[in-house]
Amino acid sequence: MFNKRPLPLARIGLLLLCAAWLLPGLVGHAPWKGGDGEHFVQLWQLLKSGAPPQSVSATPPLYYWVAIATAWLTSAFLPLADGARLASGLFIALALFFVARTARLLYGAESAWAAALTLLGCMGLLVRGHELNAATAQFAAAAMMLYGLASLPRATRGDGGFGAGALGGGAALMLLAGGAAEAVLFLLLAGLLPVLLEDYRTPAARRALAWSVGMAVAASAAWLAYLATQGIPFRQAFNLQRWLRETELRPAFYLGMLGWYAWPAWPLAAWALYRGRRQWRTPGIVLPAAALLGLLVLYAFDTDPGEEQGLILLLPLALLGASGLFTLRRGAAYALLWFGIMLFGFLALVLWVYWSAHDLGSPARLAARLSRLGMTRVGVFRPWALALGCLVTLAWIVFLARIRRSPLRPILVWTAGMTFSWGLLMALFQAPLDERLSYTSVGAELAARVPPADCIQTYRVRTQQRELLAYHSGRRFAPADPRCDWLLVETRRREAPPRIPAGWNKRWDGARPGDRSDRFQLYGRR
């Protein structure tokens, strides 16, 4: 089905695979607790205030600009959260495009799809790429800058070349995405490459580098001038608090995370480095290896490390992994192939067993456990979930039956298996997970008890929860307004309930389905 260089029909299949990876989970659910809800709250606060989009520049604005645009363009047929979440899919798609183009420049045309599939196959990208996630904007900008770096030696005489535009434009986008430190790092790397590689010492490459640095400096100056006129602190706009907090550093956090986060890219990358150890002074080795090393050193000083920021580390690993894939020994290739088939086949079996417990009530013990975990519709058969799950499973079986031997096959089977498992999870359980992970049910309880014209004051309710409840309930929250006739209190596990002053009656007590850590109490005036 796939040769070393995919035929046109096979390329269509690969594009469909990328779409099948991107779309499930982006739409069809409310903002979930965690990163998805956190970024939605920032967007919701902006829209609720009625301020123009520029006002979001108190935080890195690029992602929110795009999220506002995608939400507006799809507002006729998608809820706000779903439309905004499409911004993440757009940035992931841009990163895939640029990482494929970079691999084509560094290793040849046959490596483009290998790099894209390796990137999509990374386990850390799966969840973070399907939620509202401002780090995806940095992810796409970093991919663009890497492509610009790889393009510099190909700049033509008399102009700056497309590489300059990609590198300088990527730096500007990175600045708007809150990655000022990453933009500086990639520009420093561009200045270092001529020392290590002869390809970067040509006059055309130097001109392209000068153009790109000039573009980045001009964009930075314009952005700084705008921030100064608006009185917006540079610390927030450039996301500098990541490096300036007075907290204990965890320098090994990202390195330790990559073991699972970047699988299977990192073993392929390690093999590529081993194979090229005697002829390492080539752009295909130096550029991604230097980018990875520089990012790890930079992130050792990150005072608030997290999975979201680690997305950028996947880019150089995917590039190296693409080069290692085509030199992989037969035994290692078959090991990755069969590990993917067995792992994702087992996950499919587990998901179908859980579907049986959820929809059919059998096995009974597992169904009872799902009820204790907060699944509210255990035992209710859902024909559409069954139909979608069968369709996804059938597609996976047909794919395995038709795929032919090629250098792409190990990573193709792995990435397709991950796509299949994610699609099956969303087909069978997106609705139950939405009830479990969102604040929709709590918002509905508040809407049923509080008249639309009344306001709700809060006590101990955190900002994210308060804004999500306001969104889902349609009620006005005024945290410190004593004139409100309703009071919402949040208590956490092992926390003593607060003493409520006289004059209040408890009207409701509850939480998200299955949530044992955060509970809400609604009081009304007597």
Protein backbone atom coordinates (compact mmCIF):
# COMPACT_ATOMS: atom_id res chain seq x y z
CA MET A 1 0.00 0.00 0.00
CA PHE A 2 2.89 2.37 0.75
CA ASN A 3 6.23 2.53 -1.01
CA LYS A 4 9.31 4.34 0.22
CA ARG A 5 7.89 7.47 -1.39
CA PRO A 6 4.09 7.32 -1.12
CA LEU A 7 2.11 7.30 -4.35
CA PRO A 8 -0.65 9.90 -4.85
CA LEU A 9 -3.40 7.55 -3.63
CA ALA A 10 -1.32 6.58 -0.62
CA ARG A 11 -0.72 10.25 0.17
CA ILE A 12 -4.47 10.76 0.29
CA GLY A 13 -4.65 7.89 2.79
CA LEU A 14 -1.93 9.51 4.89
CA LEU A 15 -3.74 12.85 4.84
CA LEU A 16 -6.92 11.09 5.95
CA LEU A 17 -4.96 9.46 8.77
CA CYS A 18 -3.73 12.88 9.92
CA ALA A 19 -7.31 14.20 9.81
CA ALA A 20 -8.50 11.14 11.75
CA TRP A 21 -5.88 11.92 14.40
CA LEU A 22 -6.75 15.63 14.58
CA LEU A 23 -10.54 15.77 14.62
CA PRO A 24 -11.84 13.31 17.30
CA GLY A 25 -11.92 15.05 20.67
CA LEU A 26 -11.57 18.58 19.31
CA VAL A 27 -15.34 19.10 19.20
CA GLY A 28 -18.40 17.66 20.87
CA HIS A 29 -17.66 18.35 24.54
CA ALA A 30 -17.70 21.16 27.07
CA PRO A 31 -14.48 22.58 28.56
CA TRP A 32 -12.95 19.89 30.77
CA LYS A 33 -11.32 20.41 34.12
CA GLY A 34 -7.61 21.09 33.77
CA GLY A 35 -5.76 22.74 30.92
CA ASP A 36 -8.77 22.75 28.61
CA GLY A 37 -10.85 24.61 31.17
CA GLU A 38 -8.02 26.94 32.15
CA HIS A 39 -7.51 28.25 28.63
CA PHE A 40 -11.24 28.45 28.00
CA VAL A 41 -11.63 30.62 31.10
CA GLN A 42 -9.10 33.13 29.75
CA LEU A 43 -10.93 33.23 26.43
CA TRP A 44 -14.33 33.47 28.14
CA GLN A 45 -13.18 36.35 30.36
CA LEU A 46 -12.01 38.26 27.29
CA LEU A 47 -15.26 37.75 25.40
CA LYS A 48 -17.42 38.42 28.45
CA SER A 49 -15.73 41.76 29.06
CA GLY A 50 -16.62 42.90 25.55
CA ALA A 51 -13.08 44.22 25.10
CA PRO A 52 -11.38 44.14 21.68
CA PRO A 53 -9.08 41.19 20.95
CA GLN A 54 -5.97 43.31 21.49
CA SER A 55 -6.70 43.44 25.21
CA VAL A 56 -5.73 39.80 25.57
CA SER A 57 -2.13 40.88 25.01
CA ALA A 58 -1.70 41.05 28.78
CA THR A 59 -1.12 37.35 28.16
CA PRO A 60 0.58 35.91 25.05
CA PRO A 61 -2.13 36.73 22.50
CA LEU A 62 -1.52 34.65 19.38
CA TYR A 63 -3.45 31.57 20.44
CA TYR A 64 -6.42 33.58 21.70
CA TRP A 65 -6.57 35.65 18.53
CA VAL A 66 -6.80 32.49 16.46
CA ALA A 67 -9.25 30.86 18.90
CA ILE A 68 -11.54 33.90 18.69
CA ALA A 69 -11.37 33.72 14.89
CA THR A 70 -12.15 29.99 14.68
CA ALA A 71 -14.96 30.34 17.24
CA TRP A 72 -16.47 33.22 15.25
CA LEU A 73 -16.19 31.42 11.91
CA THR A 74 -17.92 28.31 13.29
CA SER A 75 -20.40 30.04 15.60
CA ALA A 76 -23.34 29.12 13.36
CA PHE A 77 -22.93 25.40 13.99
CA LEU A 78 -20.50 24.88 16.90
CA PRO A 79 -20.59 25.95 20.57
CA LEU A 80 -18.01 28.47 21.69
CA ALA A 81 -15.66 25.92 23.31
CA ASP A 82 -15.69 23.62 20.28
CA GLY A 83 -15.07 26.44 17.82
CA ALA A 84 -12.23 27.85 19.91
CA ARG A 85 -10.66 24.40 20.32
CA LEU A 86 -10.24 24.18 16.56
CA ALA A 87 -7.35 26.63 17.00
CA SER A 88 -5.34 23.83 18.58
CA GLY A 89 -6.03 21.59 15.59
CA LEU A 90 -4.95 24.36 13.24
CA PHE A 91 -1.65 24.90 15.05
CA ILE A 92 -0.96 21.16 15.19
CA ALA A 93 -1.61 20.92 11.45
CA LEU A 94 0.82 23.81 10.81
CA ALA A 95 3.47 22.10 12.93
CA LEU A 96 3.01 18.87 10.95
CA PHE A 97 3.39 20.75 7.67
CA PHE A 98 6.60 22.49 8.70
CA VAL A 99 8.18 19.47 10.34
CA ALA A 100 7.52 17.47 7.15
CA ARG A 101 9.06 20.23 5.01
CA THR A 102 12.07 20.40 7.32
CA ALA A 103 12.63 16.64 7.07
CA ARG A 104 12.40 16.89 3.28
CA LEU A 105 15.20 19.48 3.27
CA LEU A 106 17.41 17.62 5.73
CA TYR A 107 16.98 13.99 4.69
CA GLY A 108 15.17 13.84 1.35
CA ALA A 109 11.61 13.72 0.06
CA GLU A 110 10.91 10.22 1.40
CA SER A 111 11.44 11.42 4.99
CA ALA A 112 8.69 14.05 5.00
CA TRP A 113 5.87 11.66 5.88
CA ALA A 114 8.14 9.77 8.27
CA ALA A 115 8.68 12.96 10.31
CA ALA A 116 4.97 13.84 10.35
CA LEU A 117 3.95 10.31 11.39
CA THR A 118 6.66 10.16 14.05
CA LEU A 119 5.47 13.46 15.49
CA LEU A 120 1.82 12.34 15.50
CA GLY A 121 2.83 9.07 17.11
CA CYS A 122 4.36 10.76 20.17
CA MET A 123 2.26 9.88 23.19
CA GLY A 124 2.60 13.29 24.80
CA LEU A 125 0.99 15.07 21.86
CA LEU A 126 -2.24 13.06 21.94
CA VAL A 127 -4.11 14.70 24.82
CA ARG A 128 -2.38 18.09 24.69
CA GLY A 129 -3.12 18.41 21.00
CA HIS A 130 -6.87 17.91 21.50
CA GLU A 131 -7.56 20.51 24.16
CA LEU A 132 -7.62 24.28 24.33
CA ASN A 133 -3.89 24.75 24.70
CA ALA A 134 -2.01 27.99 24.11
CA ALA A 135 1.28 26.05 23.94
CA THR A 136 0.26 24.72 20.52
CA ALA A 137 0.89 28.20 19.12
CA GLN A 138 4.50 28.02 20.30
CA PHE A 139 4.65 24.48 18.93
CA ALA A 140 3.71 25.66 15.42
CA ALA A 141 6.02 28.70 15.61
CA ALA A 142 8.95 26.49 16.67
CA ALA A 143 8.30 24.13 13.73
CA MET A 144 8.31 27.15 11.41
CA MET A 145 11.61 28.39 12.84
CA LEU A 146 13.21 24.95 12.46
CA TYR A 147 12.14 24.94 8.83
CA GLY A 148 13.66 28.40 8.43
CA LEU A 149 16.94 27.17 9.92
CA ALA A 150 17.02 24.20 7.56
CA SER A 151 16.24 26.49 4.59
CA LEU A 152 19.06 29.00 5.13
CA PRO A 153 21.68 27.19 3.00
CA ARG A 154 19.20 27.11 0.10
CA ALA A 155 18.67 30.87 0.00
CA THR A 156 19.10 32.28 -3.50
CA ARG A 157 21.44 35.04 -4.50
CA GLY A 158 19.92 38.53 -4.49
CA ASP A 159 17.25 38.04 -1.85
CA GLY A 160 16.80 36.71 1.63
CA GLY A 161 15.17 33.48 0.48
CA PHE A 162 12.11 31.77 1.89
CA GLY A 163 14.21 30.48 4.78
CA ALA A 164 14.66 34.02 6.05
CA GLY A 165 10.93 34.59 5.89
CA ALA A 166 10.21 31.34 7.74
CA LEU A 167 12.83 31.97 10.42
CA GLY A 168 12.02 35.65 10.95
CA GLY A 169 8.27 35.16 10.64
CA GLY A 170 8.43 32.19 13.00
CA ALA A 171 10.33 34.31 15.52
CA ALA A 172 7.62 36.99 15.35
CA LEU A 173 4.89 34.39 15.85
CA MET A 174 6.85 32.84 18.70
CA LEU A 175 7.05 36.25 20.36
CA LEU A 176 3.27 36.67 20.11
CA ALA A 177 2.81 33.13 21.42
CA GLY A 178 4.76 33.89 24.61
CA GLY A 179 7.97 32.14 23.60
CA ALA A 180 10.43 35.04 23.70
CA ALA A 181 13.13 32.84 25.26
CA GLU A 182 12.60 30.11 22.64
CA ALA A 183 12.76 32.68 19.81
CA VAL A 184 16.09 34.01 21.09
CA LEU A 185 17.40 30.44 21.44
CA PHE A 186 16.60 29.53 17.82
CA LEU A 187 18.13 32.79 16.54
CA LEU A 188 21.29 32.11 18.56
CA LEU A 189 21.35 28.63 17.07
CA ALA A 190 21.15 30.19 13.59
CA GLY A 191 24.23 32.23 14.43
CA LEU A 192 26.07 29.17 15.72
CA LEU A 193 25.38 26.89 12.75
CA PRO A 194 27.98 28.56 10.44
CA VAL A 195 30.65 27.66 13.01
CA LEU A 196 29.70 23.99 12.85
CA LEU A 197 28.53 23.49 9.27
CA GLU A 198 30.08 24.55 6.00
CA ASP A 199 26.69 24.72 4.26
CA TYR A 200 25.80 27.78 6.36
CA ARG A 201 28.93 29.77 5.41
CA THR A 202 27.85 30.82 1.93
CA PRO A 203 27.11 34.50 1.21
CA ALA A 204 23.47 33.64 0.40
CA ALA A 205 23.04 31.87 3.73
CA ARG A 206 24.55 34.84 5.57
CA ARG A 207 22.19 37.23 3.79
CA ALA A 208 19.23 35.02 4.64
CA LEU A 209 20.31 34.97 8.28
CA ALA A 210 20.66 38.75 8.33
CA TRP A 211 17.18 39.13 6.81
CA SER A 212 15.65 36.78 9.37
CA VAL A 213 17.29 38.50 12.32
CA GLY A 214 16.19 41.86 10.94
CA MET A 215 12.60 40.67 10.62
CA ALA A 216 12.65 39.32 14.19
CA VAL A 217 14.13 42.57 15.57
CA ALA A 218 11.61 44.72 13.67
CA ALA A 219 8.69 42.60 14.87
CA SER A 220 10.01 42.75 18.44
CA ALA A 221 10.41 46.53 18.30
CA ALA A 222 6.88 46.99 16.96
CA TRP A 223 5.42 44.73 19.61
CA LEU A 224 7.38 46.43 22.39
CA ALA A 225 6.19 49.83 21.19
CA TYR A 226 2.57 48.66 21.19
CA LEU A 227 2.88 47.19 24.69
CA ALA A 228 4.43 50.41 25.97
CA THR A 229 1.59 52.54 24.56
CA GLN A 230 -1.02 50.25 26.16
CA GLY A 231 0.74 50.07 29.52
CA ILE A 232 0.91 46.26 29.34
CA PRO A 233 3.69 44.74 31.48
CA PHE A 234 6.42 43.09 29.40
CA ARG A 235 6.68 40.33 31.99
CA GLN A 236 3.18 39.10 31.17
CA ALA A 237 3.17 39.74 27.45
CA PHE A 238 6.45 37.84 26.94
CA ASN A 239 5.56 35.12 29.47
CA LEU A 240 8.71 35.99 31.42
CA GLN A 241 7.22 34.84 34.73
CA ARG A 242 8.22 31.32 33.70
CA TRP A 243 11.85 32.27 34.28
CA LEU A 244 11.57 34.91 37.04
CA ARG A 245 9.56 33.22 39.79
CA GLU A 246 11.39 32.64 43.04
CA THR A 247 10.67 28.93 43.27
CA GLU A 248 12.82 25.83 43.44
CA LEU A 249 13.96 24.66 40.01
CA ARG A 250 13.43 21.13 38.72
CA PRO A 251 16.09 20.95 35.99
CA ALA A 252 15.54 17.27 35.16
CA PHE A 253 11.75 17.49 34.81
CA TYR A 254 11.57 17.54 31.02
CA LEU A 255 14.37 15.03 30.54
CA GLY A 256 12.63 12.58 32.85
CA MET A 257 9.27 13.15 31.15
CA LEU A 258 10.53 12.36 27.66
CA GLY A 259 10.74 8.61 28.36
CA TRP A 260 6.99 8.21 27.81
CA TYR A 261 6.11 11.62 26.40
CA ALA A 262 8.29 11.31 23.28
CA TRP A 263 7.81 7.59 22.64
CA PRO A 264 8.54 6.24 20.02
CA ALA A 265 10.42 9.27 18.63
CA TRP A 266 13.26 9.19 21.14
CA PRO A 267 14.46 5.58 20.48
CA LEU A 268 14.46 6.31 16.73
CA ALA A 269 16.31 9.58 17.39
CA ALA A 270 18.86 7.80 19.57
CA TRP A 271 19.44 5.28 16.79
CA ALA A 272 19.91 8.08 14.25
CA LEU A 273 22.50 9.75 16.48
CA TYR A 274 24.32 6.45 16.97
CA ARG A 275 24.34 5.75 13.22
CA GLY A 276 25.64 9.23 12.45
CA ARG A 277 28.24 9.39 15.21
CA ARG A 278 31.20 9.24 12.79
CA GLN A 279 29.75 11.71 10.29
CA TRP A 280 27.87 13.99 12.59
CA ARG A 281 28.78 17.32 10.97
CA THR A 282 25.76 17.38 8.68
CA PRO A 283 22.65 19.58 8.97
CA GLY A 284 20.47 16.50 9.52
CA ILE A 285 22.32 15.69 12.75
CA VAL A 286 23.58 19.04 14.01
CA LEU A 287 20.41 21.11 13.57
CA PRO A 288 17.89 18.92 15.45
CA ALA A 289 20.44 17.74 18.02
CA ALA A 290 21.55 21.30 18.81
CA ALA A 291 17.93 22.46 19.01
CA LEU A 292 17.05 19.63 21.40
CA LEU A 293 20.10 20.25 23.60
CA GLY A 294 19.49 24.01 23.68
CA LEU A 295 15.84 23.55 24.64
CA LEU A 296 16.70 21.12 27.43
CA VAL A 297 19.26 23.56 28.85
CA LEU A 298 16.78 26.45 28.58
CA TYR A 299 13.96 24.49 30.21
CA ALA A 300 16.18 23.50 33.10
CA PHE A 301 15.51 27.07 34.30
CA ASP A 302 11.74 26.89 33.83
CA THR A 303 10.18 27.64 37.22
CA ASP A 304 6.82 26.15 36.26
CA PRO A 305 7.54 23.06 34.13
CA GLY A 306 4.66 21.10 32.65
CA GLU A 307 3.60 18.79 29.88
CA GLU A 308 2.21 21.59 27.72
CA GLN A 309 5.57 23.31 27.33
CA GLY A 310 7.27 20.01 26.51
CA LEU A 311 5.53 19.88 23.13
CA ILE A 312 8.36 21.82 21.48
CA LEU A 313 10.84 19.13 22.48
CA LEU A 314 9.00 16.67 20.25
CA LEU A 315 9.94 18.57 17.08
CA PRO A 316 13.72 17.89 16.96
CA LEU A 317 13.13 14.35 18.22
CA ALA A 318 10.64 13.70 15.41
CA LEU A 319 13.15 14.99 12.84
CA LEU A 320 15.92 12.77 14.13
CA GLY A 321 13.47 9.88 14.44
CA ALA A 322 12.49 10.26 10.78
CA SER A 323 16.11 9.88 9.72
CA GLY A 324 16.59 6.89 12.00
CA LEU A 325 13.50 5.11 10.69
CA PHE A 326 14.98 4.36 7.27
CA THR A 327 18.15 2.82 8.70
CA LEU A 328 16.35 0.77 11.36
CA ARG A 329 17.40 -2.85 11.43
CA ARG A 330 14.79 -5.42 10.51
CA GLY A 331 14.50 -6.85 14.02
CA ALA A 332 13.94 -3.44 15.60
CA ALA A 333 11.44 -2.48 12.88
CA TYR A 334 9.42 -5.64 13.46
CA ALA A 335 9.59 -5.11 17.23
CA LEU A 336 8.06 -1.61 16.90
CA LEU A 337 5.50 -2.93 14.42
CA TRP A 338 4.25 -5.81 16.56
CA PHE A 339 4.46 -3.82 19.78
CA GLY A 340 2.09 -1.27 18.22
CA ILE A 341 -0.32 -3.95 16.99
CA MET A 342 -0.39 -5.78 20.32
CA LEU A 343 -0.56 -2.66 22.51
CA PHE A 344 -3.36 -0.93 20.64
CA GLY A 345 -5.18 -4.17 20.02
CA PHE A 346 -5.17 -4.80 23.76
CA LEU A 347 -6.36 -1.24 24.42
CA ALA A 348 -9.22 -1.78 21.96
CA LEU A 349 -10.24 -4.93 23.79
CA VAL A 350 -10.20 -3.08 27.12
CA LEU A 351 -12.29 -0.23 25.71
CA TRP A 352 -14.90 -2.63 24.36
CA VAL A 353 -15.09 -4.41 27.73
CA TYR A 354 -15.64 -1.07 29.43
CA TRP A 355 -18.28 -0.17 26.83
CA SER A 356 -20.09 -3.41 27.61
CA ALA A 357 -20.01 -2.60 31.30
CA HIS A 358 -21.20 0.95 30.71
CA ASP A 359 -23.93 0.35 28.13
CA LEU A 360 -25.00 -3.23 28.87
CA GLY A 361 -24.22 -3.49 32.59
CA SER A 362 -22.00 -6.54 32.07
CA PRO A 363 -19.63 -7.45 33.64
CA ALA A 364 -21.61 -6.33 36.67
CA ARG A 365 -18.62 -5.62 38.93
CA LEU A 366 -17.04 -3.31 36.38
CA ALA A 367 -20.40 -1.59 35.83
CA ALA A 368 -20.69 -0.98 39.57
CA ARG A 369 -17.18 0.44 39.62
CA LEU A 370 -18.02 2.84 36.79
CA SER A 371 -21.05 4.01 38.77
CA ARG A 372 -18.84 4.71 41.79
CA LEU A 373 -16.47 6.67 39.55
CA GLY A 374 -19.29 9.03 38.60
CA MET A 375 -20.60 7.60 35.32
CA THR A 376 -24.26 8.60 35.54
CA ARG A 377 -25.81 6.54 32.73
CA VAL A 378 -24.44 3.06 33.38
CA GLY A 379 -26.75 0.44 31.90
CA VAL A 380 -28.22 2.80 29.27
CA PHE A 381 -27.62 1.43 25.77
CA ARG A 382 -26.37 4.00 23.22
CA PRO A 383 -26.75 2.73 19.64
CA TRP A 384 -24.80 5.61 18.09
CA ALA A 385 -21.77 4.88 20.29
CA LEU A 386 -21.92 1.22 19.25
CA ALA A 387 -22.19 2.11 15.56
CA LEU A 388 -19.27 4.57 15.68
CA GLY A 389 -17.14 2.17 17.70
CA CYS A 390 -17.77 -0.65 15.21
CA LEU A 391 -16.91 1.67 12.32
CA VAL A 392 -13.59 2.69 13.91
CA THR A 393 -12.72 -0.92 14.74
CA LEU A 394 -13.53 -2.08 11.22
CA ALA A 395 -11.36 0.67 9.75
CA TRP A 396 -8.44 -0.49 11.91
CA ILE A 397 -8.86 -4.12 10.83
CA VAL A 398 -9.04 -3.18 7.14
CA PHE A 399 -5.96 -0.99 7.54
CA LEU A 400 -3.92 -3.84 9.05
CA ALA A 401 -5.08 -6.23 6.35
CA ARG A 402 -4.09 -3.92 3.48
CA ILE A 403 -0.86 -2.31 4.61
CA ARG A 404 2.20 -3.52 2.72
CA ARG A 405 5.86 -3.76 3.60
CA SER A 406 7.74 -0.46 3.43
CA PRO A 407 10.22 1.51 5.56
CA LEU A 408 7.27 3.61 6.78
CA ARG A 409 5.30 0.60 7.99
CA PRO A 410 6.50 0.43 11.65
CA ILE A 411 5.76 4.08 12.46
CA LEU A 412 2.67 4.05 10.26
CA VAL A 413 1.20 1.11 12.18
CA TRP A 414 2.10 2.75 15.49
CA THR A 415 0.56 6.13 14.63
CA ALA A 416 -2.50 4.54 13.04
CA GLY A 417 -2.92 2.37 16.15
CA MET A 418 -2.77 5.42 18.40
CA THR A 419 -5.24 7.22 16.14
CA PHE A 420 -7.55 4.20 16.18
CA SER A 421 -7.42 3.90 19.98
CA TRP A 422 -8.10 7.60 20.50
CA GLY A 423 -10.93 7.54 17.97
CA LEU A 424 -12.44 4.48 19.65
CA LEU A 425 -12.21 6.14 23.08
CA MET A 426 -14.00 9.23 21.77
CA ALA A 427 -16.62 7.16 19.91
CA LEU A 428 -17.50 5.04 22.93
CA PHE A 429 -16.92 7.38 25.86
CA GLN A 430 -16.79 11.05 24.86
CA ALA A 431 -20.27 11.75 26.24
CA PRO A 432 -19.69 9.97 29.60
CA LEU A 433 -16.29 11.63 29.93
CA ASP A 434 -17.88 14.99 29.20
CA GLU A 435 -20.31 14.51 32.09
CA ARG A 436 -17.48 13.37 34.35
CA LEU A 437 -14.86 16.00 33.49
CA SER A 438 -16.91 19.15 32.83
CA TYR A 439 -18.95 21.43 35.09
CA THR A 440 -22.06 21.15 32.93
CA SER A 441 -24.08 19.27 35.55
CA VAL A 442 -23.19 21.69 38.36
CA GLY A 443 -24.04 24.65 36.13
CA ALA A 444 -27.42 23.06 35.35
CA GLU A 445 -28.14 22.66 39.07
CA LEU A 446 -27.39 26.33 39.69
CA ALA A 447 -29.51 27.41 36.71
CA ALA A 448 -32.45 25.38 38.03
CA ARG A 449 -32.33 27.01 41.49
CA VAL A 450 -31.15 30.60 40.95
CA PRO A 451 -33.49 32.95 39.06
CA PRO A 452 -31.88 34.49 35.94
CA ALA A 453 -32.00 38.03 37.34
CA ASP A 454 -30.25 37.12 40.64
CA CYS A 455 -26.53 37.20 41.30
CA ILE A 456 -24.34 34.73 43.20
CA GLN A 457 -21.56 35.68 45.57
CA THR A 458 -18.86 33.08 46.21
CA TYR A 459 -16.59 31.93 49.00
CA ARG A 460 -13.49 29.81 48.39
CA VAL A 461 -14.55 29.13 44.80
CA ARG A 462 -11.47 29.24 42.58
CA THR A 463 -11.41 31.43 39.49
CA GLN A 464 -11.49 28.62 36.94
CA GLN A 465 -14.44 26.89 38.61
CA ARG A 466 -16.32 30.18 39.05
CA GLU A 467 -15.97 31.19 35.40
CA LEU A 468 -16.89 27.74 34.10
CA LEU A 469 -19.98 27.69 36.32
CA ALA A 470 -20.96 31.14 35.09
CA TYR A 471 -20.59 29.92 31.50
CA HIS A 472 -22.64 26.75 32.02
CA SER A 473 -25.32 28.26 34.26
CA GLY A 474 -25.83 31.59 32.54
CA ARG A 475 -25.94 33.26 35.94
CA ARG A 476 -24.03 36.34 37.09
CA PHE A 477 -21.32 35.68 39.66
CA ALA A 478 -20.22 38.55 41.90
CA PRO A 479 -17.61 37.04 44.26
CA ALA A 480 -17.63 39.79 46.90
CA ASP A 481 -21.02 41.48 46.43
CA PRO A 482 -22.97 41.30 49.73
CA ARG A 483 -26.15 42.37 47.95
CA CYS A 484 -26.46 39.00 46.20
CA ASP A 485 -29.20 36.73 47.56
CA TRP A 486 -27.23 33.57 46.79
CA LEU A 487 -23.93 32.26 48.14
CA LEU A 488 -21.86 29.47 46.58
CA VAL A 489 -19.20 27.82 48.75
CA GLU A 490 -16.53 25.37 47.59
CA THR A 491 -14.96 22.90 50.01
CA ARG A 492 -12.14 20.52 49.24
CA ARG A 493 -11.34 17.10 50.63
CA ARG A 494 -10.21 17.09 54.29
CA GLU A 495 -11.12 20.76 54.54
CA ALA A 496 -13.41 21.82 57.37
CA PRO A 497 -16.65 23.38 56.10
CA PRO A 498 -16.79 27.14 56.68
CA ARG A 499 -19.11 28.69 59.23
CA ILE A 500 -21.95 30.31 57.34
CA PRO A 501 -23.46 33.41 59.01
CA ALA A 502 -27.03 33.35 60.22
CA GLY A 503 -29.60 34.23 57.64
CA TRP A 504 -28.59 31.69 55.02
CA ASN A 505 -30.29 28.37 54.23
CA LYS A 506 -28.59 25.57 52.31
CA ARG A 507 -30.50 24.94 49.06
CA TRP A 508 -28.21 22.45 47.34
CA ASP A 509 -25.07 20.38 47.95
CA GLY A 510 -23.24 18.54 45.19
CA ALA A 511 -20.27 18.14 42.86
CA ARG A 512 -19.32 16.95 39.43
CA PRO A 513 -20.23 13.26 38.96
CA GLY A 514 -17.66 11.13 40.74
CA ASP A 515 -15.66 14.11 42.07
CA ARG A 516 -14.61 13.37 45.64
CA SER A 517 -12.26 16.30 46.10
CA ASP A 518 -14.32 19.43 45.32
CA ARG A 519 -17.87 19.97 46.56
CA PHE A 520 -20.18 22.95 46.24
CA GLN A 521 -22.85 24.21 48.64
CA LEU A 522 -25.46 26.71 47.49
CA TYR A 523 -27.10 28.93 50.12
CA GLY A 524 -30.02 31.31 49.73
CA ARG A 525 -31.12 34.12 52.03
CA ARG A 526 -33.99 33.31 54.34
